[in-house]
């Protein structure tokens, strides 16, 4: 197994386990206000809010890192 892949997997597991811990211990209701988009306050348990913000951050990272170069391109042969 590739060491880089192993480290990325361990990092993702640590982040997800922290998300689970936050969900277990933050049960109070919080308000989310975003006047330009949401006309009324959104009231949800804190754990749901943590999960939603984590998902938005994760998707943002996926979109920003997608579509990179897959390999080194071969130089064009010049004809003489």
N, C-alpha and C. Protein backbone atom coordinates (compact mmCIF):
# COMPACT_ATOMS: atom_id res chain seq x y z
N UNK A 1 0.84 -1.18 0.00
CA UNK A 1 0.00 0.00 0.00
C UNK A 1 0.89 1.24 0.00
N UNK A 2 0.45 2.23 -0.72
CA UNK A 2 1.18 3.48 -0.82
C UNK A 2 1.13 4.23 0.52
N UNK A 3 2.27 4.75 0.97
CA UNK A 3 2.33 5.45 2.25
C UNK A 3 1.48 6.73 2.24
N UNK A 4 1.47 7.41 1.12
CA UNK A 4 0.68 8.64 1.01
C UNK A 4 -0.82 8.34 1.15
N UNK A 5 -1.26 7.28 0.51
CA UNK A 5 -2.66 6.87 0.61
C UNK A 5 -3.01 6.46 2.04
N UNK A 6 -2.11 5.77 2.70
CA UNK A 6 -2.33 5.36 4.09
C UNK A 6 -2.47 6.58 5.01
N UNK A 7 -1.61 7.56 4.84
CA UNK A 7 -1.69 8.77 5.66
C UNK A 7 -2.99 9.54 5.40
N UNK A 8 -3.39 9.63 4.15
CA UNK A 8 -4.64 10.32 3.82
C UNK A 8 -5.84 9.59 4.43
N UNK A 9 -5.80 8.26 4.41
CA UNK A 9 -6.89 7.47 4.98
C UNK A 9 -6.95 7.66 6.50
N UNK A 10 -5.80 7.63 7.15
CA UNK A 10 -5.77 7.83 8.60
C UNK A 10 -6.26 9.23 8.97
N UNK A 11 -5.86 10.23 8.20
CA UNK A 11 -6.31 11.60 8.46
C UNK A 11 -7.83 11.69 8.32
N UNK A 12 -8.39 11.09 7.28
CA UNK A 12 -9.84 11.12 7.08
C UNK A 12 -10.56 10.41 8.23
N UNK A 13 -10.02 9.30 8.71
CA UNK A 13 -10.63 8.59 9.83
C UNK A 13 -10.59 9.41 11.12
N UNK A 14 -9.50 10.12 11.35
CA UNK A 14 -9.40 10.97 12.53
C UNK A 14 -10.43 12.09 12.46
N UNK A 15 -10.55 12.73 11.31
CA UNK A 15 -11.52 13.82 11.15
C UNK A 15 -12.94 13.29 11.32
N UNK A 16 -13.25 12.15 10.74
CA UNK A 16 -14.59 11.59 10.88
C UNK A 16 -14.88 11.17 12.32
N UNK A 17 -13.89 10.66 13.02
CA UNK A 17 -14.12 10.29 14.42
C UNK A 17 -14.35 11.53 15.28
N UNK A 18 -13.68 12.63 14.98
CA UNK A 18 -13.96 13.88 15.69
C UNK A 18 -15.37 14.36 15.40
N UNK A 19 -15.83 14.17 14.19
CA UNK A 19 -17.19 14.54 13.83
C UNK A 19 -18.20 13.72 14.64
N UNK A 20 -17.94 12.44 14.81
CA UNK A 20 -18.82 11.58 15.61
C UNK A 20 -18.82 12.04 17.07
N UNK A 21 -17.65 12.36 17.61
CA UNK A 21 -17.58 12.84 18.99
C UNK A 21 -18.35 14.15 19.18
N UNK A 22 -18.24 15.06 18.22
CA UNK A 22 -18.99 16.31 18.31
C UNK A 22 -20.49 16.03 18.28
N UNK A 23 -20.90 15.08 17.47
CA UNK A 23 -22.30 14.73 17.40
C UNK A 23 -22.84 14.12 18.67
N UNK A 24 -22.00 13.37 19.36
CA UNK A 24 -22.44 12.73 20.61
C UNK A 24 -22.57 13.72 21.77
N UNK A 25 -21.74 14.75 21.77
CA UNK A 25 -21.68 15.63 22.94
C UNK A 25 -22.28 17.01 22.73
N UNK A 26 -22.73 17.35 21.55
CA UNK A 26 -23.32 18.67 21.29
C UNK A 26 -24.76 18.49 20.82
N UNK A 27 -25.66 18.38 21.79
CA UNK A 27 -27.05 18.08 21.46
C UNK A 27 -27.96 19.30 21.52
N UNK A 28 -27.45 20.45 21.95
CA UNK A 28 -28.29 21.63 22.05
C UNK A 28 -28.63 22.16 20.65
N UNK A 29 -29.72 22.91 20.58
CA UNK A 29 -30.17 23.48 19.32
C UNK A 29 -29.47 24.81 19.09
N UNK A 30 -29.04 25.03 17.85
CA UNK A 30 -28.40 26.29 17.48
C UNK A 30 -29.15 26.91 16.31
N UNK A 31 -28.98 28.22 16.14
CA UNK A 31 -29.62 28.92 15.02
C UNK A 31 -28.57 29.24 13.97
N UNK A 32 -28.95 29.08 12.72
CA UNK A 32 -28.09 29.43 11.59
C UNK A 32 -28.79 30.53 10.81
N UNK A 33 -28.15 31.69 10.73
CA UNK A 33 -28.73 32.84 10.04
C UNK A 33 -27.92 33.14 8.79
N UNK A 34 -28.60 33.26 7.66
CA UNK A 34 -27.97 33.63 6.40
C UNK A 34 -29.00 34.43 5.60
N UNK A 35 -29.20 35.71 5.99
CA UNK A 35 -30.30 36.51 5.44
C UNK A 35 -30.40 36.58 3.91
N UNK A 36 -29.32 36.65 3.16
CA UNK A 36 -29.53 36.73 1.70
C UNK A 36 -30.15 35.46 1.10
N UNK A 37 -29.92 34.30 1.73
CA UNK A 37 -30.39 33.03 1.16
C UNK A 37 -31.56 32.45 1.94
N UNK A 38 -31.46 32.44 3.26
CA UNK A 38 -32.52 31.87 4.11
C UNK A 38 -33.35 33.00 4.72
N UNK A 39 -34.64 33.07 4.42
CA UNK A 39 -35.46 34.16 4.97
C UNK A 39 -35.69 34.04 6.48
N UNK A 40 -35.69 32.82 7.02
CA UNK A 40 -35.88 32.62 8.45
C UNK A 40 -34.69 31.87 9.03
N UNK A 41 -34.54 31.93 10.32
CA UNK A 41 -33.44 31.23 10.99
C UNK A 41 -33.67 29.72 10.91
N UNK A 42 -32.60 29.00 10.68
CA UNK A 42 -32.64 27.55 10.63
C UNK A 42 -32.21 27.03 12.00
N UNK A 43 -33.08 26.31 12.68
CA UNK A 43 -32.79 25.77 14.02
C UNK A 43 -32.62 24.26 13.92
N UNK A 44 -31.42 23.79 14.23
CA UNK A 44 -31.09 22.37 14.17
C UNK A 44 -30.18 22.04 15.35
N UNK A 45 -30.07 20.76 15.69
CA UNK A 45 -29.07 20.37 16.70
C UNK A 45 -27.66 20.70 16.20
N UNK A 46 -26.79 21.02 17.12
CA UNK A 46 -25.42 21.41 16.76
C UNK A 46 -24.72 20.31 15.96
N UNK A 47 -24.99 19.06 16.27
CA UNK A 47 -24.33 17.96 15.57
C UNK A 47 -24.69 17.96 14.08
N UNK A 48 -25.92 18.29 13.75
CA UNK A 48 -26.33 18.35 12.35
C UNK A 48 -25.61 19.49 11.65
N UNK A 49 -25.47 20.61 12.33
CA UNK A 49 -24.75 21.75 11.76
C UNK A 49 -23.29 21.39 11.50
N UNK A 50 -22.64 20.72 12.47
CA UNK A 50 -21.25 20.31 12.28
C UNK A 50 -21.13 19.41 11.05
N UNK A 51 -22.04 18.46 10.94
CA UNK A 51 -22.01 17.55 9.81
C UNK A 51 -22.20 18.28 8.49
N UNK A 52 -23.13 19.23 8.46
CA UNK A 52 -23.40 19.98 7.22
C UNK A 52 -22.18 20.80 6.81
N UNK A 53 -21.56 21.48 7.75
CA UNK A 53 -20.39 22.29 7.41
C UNK A 53 -19.21 21.41 7.01
N UNK A 54 -19.08 20.25 7.65
CA UNK A 54 -18.03 19.31 7.26
C UNK A 54 -18.25 18.83 5.83
N UNK A 55 -19.50 18.50 5.49
CA UNK A 55 -19.81 18.02 4.14
C UNK A 55 -19.54 19.09 3.10
N UNK A 56 -19.90 20.34 3.40
CA UNK A 56 -19.63 21.43 2.45
C UNK A 56 -18.12 21.62 2.27
N UNK A 57 -17.37 21.56 3.35
CA UNK A 57 -15.92 21.69 3.26
C UNK A 57 -15.28 20.54 2.49
N UNK A 58 -15.77 19.34 2.73
CA UNK A 58 -15.25 18.16 2.03
C UNK A 58 -15.52 18.27 0.52
N UNK A 59 -16.74 18.62 0.17
CA UNK A 59 -17.08 18.75 -1.25
C UNK A 59 -16.28 19.88 -1.91
N UNK A 60 -16.06 20.96 -1.19
CA UNK A 60 -15.24 22.04 -1.73
C UNK A 60 -13.83 21.56 -2.02
N UNK A 61 -13.25 20.81 -1.11
CA UNK A 61 -11.92 20.26 -1.33
C UNK A 61 -11.87 19.31 -2.51
N UNK A 62 -12.89 18.49 -2.67
CA UNK A 62 -12.94 17.55 -3.81
C UNK A 62 -13.02 18.31 -5.12
N UNK A 63 -13.86 19.34 -5.16
CA UNK A 63 -14.01 20.11 -6.40
C UNK A 63 -12.72 20.85 -6.73
N UNK A 64 -12.06 21.41 -5.73
CA UNK A 64 -10.84 22.17 -5.98
C UNK A 64 -9.67 21.29 -6.40
N UNK A 65 -9.64 20.04 -5.96
CA UNK A 65 -8.53 19.17 -6.32
C UNK A 65 -8.82 18.29 -7.53
N UNK A 66 -10.03 18.28 -8.02
CA UNK A 66 -10.39 17.43 -9.16
C UNK A 66 -9.88 18.05 -10.46
N UNK A 67 -9.59 17.18 -11.41
CA UNK A 67 -9.24 17.64 -12.75
C UNK A 67 -7.79 18.02 -12.93
N UNK A 68 -6.92 17.59 -12.06
CA UNK A 68 -5.49 17.90 -12.21
C UNK A 68 -4.85 17.01 -13.26
N UNK A 69 -3.58 17.25 -13.52
CA UNK A 69 -2.86 16.41 -14.48
C UNK A 69 -2.72 15.01 -13.95
N UNK A 70 -2.90 14.04 -14.82
CA UNK A 70 -2.79 12.63 -14.40
C UNK A 70 -1.38 12.10 -14.56
N UNK A 71 -0.64 12.61 -15.47
CA UNK A 71 0.71 12.13 -15.69
C UNK A 71 1.49 13.15 -16.50
N UNK A 72 2.77 12.92 -16.60
CA UNK A 72 3.60 13.83 -17.37
C UNK A 72 3.30 13.64 -18.85
N UNK A 73 3.12 14.75 -19.54
CA UNK A 73 2.86 14.64 -20.97
C UNK A 73 4.18 14.43 -21.71
N UNK A 74 4.09 13.71 -22.81
CA UNK A 74 5.27 13.44 -23.61
C UNK A 74 5.56 14.64 -24.49
N UNK A 75 6.83 15.03 -24.59
CA UNK A 75 7.14 16.16 -25.45
C UNK A 75 6.91 15.81 -26.92
N UNK A 76 6.47 16.77 -27.68
CA UNK A 76 6.20 16.54 -29.10
C UNK A 76 7.51 16.33 -29.84
N UNK A 77 7.49 15.41 -30.79
CA UNK A 77 8.67 15.16 -31.60
C UNK A 77 8.78 16.22 -32.68
N UNK A 78 9.93 16.79 -32.80
CA UNK A 78 10.13 17.80 -33.85
C UNK A 78 10.76 17.12 -35.06
N UNK A 79 10.19 17.41 -36.21
CA UNK A 79 10.70 16.80 -37.44
C UNK A 79 11.71 17.74 -38.07
N UNK A 80 12.83 17.18 -38.55
CA UNK A 80 13.86 17.99 -39.18
C UNK A 80 13.95 17.72 -40.64
